[in-house]
C-alpha atoms as a PDB file:
ATOM      1  CA  MET A   1     155.768  99.560 160.072  1.00  0.00           C
ATOM      2  CA  ASP A   2     156.191 101.866 163.013  1.00  0.00           C
ATOM      3  CA  PRO A   3     155.830  99.758 166.192  1.00  0.00           C
ATOM      4  CA  GLY A   4     153.798 102.603 167.704  1.00  0.00           C
ATOM      5  CA  ARG A   5     150.896 102.118 165.281  1.00  0.00           C
ATOM      6  CA  GLU A   6     147.702 100.768 166.756  1.00  0.00           C
ATOM      7  CA  GLY A   7     144.690  99.051 165.263  1.00  0.00           C
ATOM      8  CA  LEU A   8     141.251  97.880 166.300  1.00  0.00           C
ATOM      9  CA  LEU A   9     139.305  94.658 165.941  1.00  0.00           C
ATOM     10  CA  GLU A  10     135.563  94.701 166.658  1.00  0.00           C
ATOM     11  CA  LEU A  11     133.883  91.315 166.918  1.00  0.00           C
ATOM     12  CA  GLY A  12     130.173  90.778 166.501  1.00  0.00           C
ATOM     13  CA  GLU A  13     127.867  87.793 166.402  1.00  0.00           C
ATOM     14  CA  ILE A  14     127.511  87.834 162.619  1.00  0.00           C
ATOM     15  CA  ARG A  15     129.896  88.419 159.707  1.00  0.00           C
ATOM     16  CA  GLY A  16     128.471  91.835 158.925  1.00  0.00           C
ATOM     17  CA  LYS A  17     129.246  93.037 162.458  1.00  0.00           C
ATOM     18  CA  ILE A  18     132.960  92.147 162.409  1.00  0.00           C
ATOM     19  CA  HIS A  19     135.273  95.079 161.666  1.00  0.00           C
ATOM     20  CA  TYR A  20     138.984  94.602 161.090  1.00  0.00           C
ATOM     21  CA  LYS A  21     140.012  98.208 161.429  1.00  0.00           C
ATOM     22  CA  PHE A  22     143.649  97.206 161.910  1.00  0.00           C
ATOM     23  CA  ALA A  23     143.716  95.673 158.427  1.00  0.00           C
ATOM     24  CA  GLY A  24     143.817  99.092 156.797  1.00  0.00           C
ATOM     25  CA  GLU A  25     146.902 100.031 158.804  1.00  0.00           C
ATOM     26  CA  LEU A  26     148.612  96.798 157.732  1.00  0.00           C
ATOM     27  CA  ILE A  27     147.772  97.310 154.077  1.00  0.00           C
ATOM     28  CA  ILE A  28     148.988 100.905 154.105  1.00  0.00           C
ATOM     29  CA  ALA A  29     152.246  99.920 155.825  1.00  0.00           C
ATOM     30  CA  ILE A  30     152.821  97.183 153.234  1.00  0.00           C
ATOM     31  CA  LEU A  31     152.067  99.492 150.314  1.00  0.00           C
ATOM     32  CA  LEU A  32     154.327 102.240 151.628  1.00  0.00           C
ATOM     33  CA  ARG A  33     157.248 100.065 152.683  1.00  0.00           C
ATOM     34  CA  GLY A  34     160.456 101.982 152.089  1.00  0.00           C
ATOM     35  CA  VAL A  35     158.688 105.276 151.299  1.00  0.00           C
ATOM     36  CA  PRO A  36     159.990 108.192 153.416  1.00  0.00           C
ATOM     37  CA  ASP A  37     157.455 109.647 155.858  1.00  0.00           C
ATOM     38  CA  SER A  38     157.385 112.958 153.994  1.00  0.00           C
ATOM     39  CA  GLU A  39     156.276 111.198 150.775  1.00  0.00           C
ATOM     40  CA  GLN A  40     153.812 108.674 152.205  1.00  0.00           C
ATOM     41  CA  GLN A  41     150.598 110.671 151.831  1.00  0.00           C
ATOM     42  CA  GLY A  42     151.214 111.596 148.191  1.00  0.00           C
ATOM     43  CA  THR A  43     152.358 108.075 147.317  1.00  0.00           C
ATOM     44  CA  PHE A  44     149.331 106.554 149.016  1.00  0.00           C
ATOM     45  CA  GLU A  45     146.945 108.875 147.184  1.00  0.00           C
ATOM     46  CA  LYS A  46     148.479 107.876 143.836  1.00  0.00           C
ATOM     47  CA  LEU A  47     148.227 104.180 144.685  1.00  0.00           C
ATOM     48  CA  LEU A  48     144.650 104.606 145.861  1.00  0.00           C
ATOM     49  CA  GLY A  49     143.686 106.266 142.601  1.00  0.00           C
ATOM     50  CA  LYS A  50     145.245 103.442 140.595  1.00  0.00           C
ATOM     51  CA  SER A  51     143.652 100.698 142.663  1.00  0.00           C
ATOM     52  CA  ALA A  52     140.116 102.089 142.989  1.00  0.00           C
ATOM     53  CA  ARG A  53     138.892  99.525 140.464  1.00  0.00           C
ATOM     54  CA  LEU A  54     139.937  96.728 142.819  1.00  0.00           C
ATOM     55  CA  SER A  55     137.348  97.530 145.484  1.00  0.00           C
ATOM     56  CA  ARG A  56     135.778  94.077 145.104  1.00  0.00           C
ATOM     57  CA  ALA A  57     138.927  92.697 146.693  1.00  0.00           C
ATOM     58  CA  VAL A  58     137.890  94.281 149.987  1.00  0.00           C
ATOM     59  CA  ALA A  59     135.001  91.817 150.306  1.00  0.00           C
ATOM     60  CA  ALA A  60     137.373  88.935 149.594  1.00  0.00           C
ATOM     61  CA  ILE A  61     139.803  90.159 152.259  1.00  0.00           C
ATOM     62  CA  ASP A  62     136.930  90.373 154.736  1.00  0.00           C
ATOM     63  CA  ASP A  63     135.984  86.774 153.920  1.00  0.00           C
ATOM     64  CA  VAL A  64     139.552  85.565 154.418  1.00  0.00           C
ATOM     65  CA  LEU A  65     139.900  87.329 157.769  1.00  0.00           C
ATOM     66  CA  ALA A  66     136.498  86.034 158.915  1.00  0.00           C
ATOM     67  CA  CYS A  67     137.551  82.476 158.052  1.00  0.00           C
ATOM     68  CA  TYR A  68     140.839  82.942 159.897  1.00  0.00           C
ATOM     69  CA  ALA A  69     139.090  84.317 162.998  1.00  0.00           C
ATOM     70  CA  ARG A  70     136.573  81.490 162.940  1.00  0.00           C
ATOM     71  CA  ASP A  71     139.295  78.844 162.484  1.00  0.00           C
ATOM     72  CA  ARG A  72     141.322  80.293 165.362  1.00  0.00           C
ATOM     73  CA  GLN A  73     138.167  80.623 167.460  1.00  0.00           C
ATOM     74  CA  LEU A  74     138.842  84.320 167.987  1.00  0.00           C
ATOM     75  CA  ARG A  75     135.202  85.133 168.441  1.00  0.00           C
END
């Protein structure tokens, strides 16, 4: 992952108001590891098309990150 990438974490009082906007950057960097910059967009689009059926996993990832933040007392 390029060290110049930035992400955002918005904390709210309730689970529905917490937004881990940096998580998308991490996932994309993991998925595209080793892919040349010139091929990243096309590769990502192909992966996205193949994984669209896994959208329920997003809720699970949100739960895991919320538990982590709560355990670490980050909010």
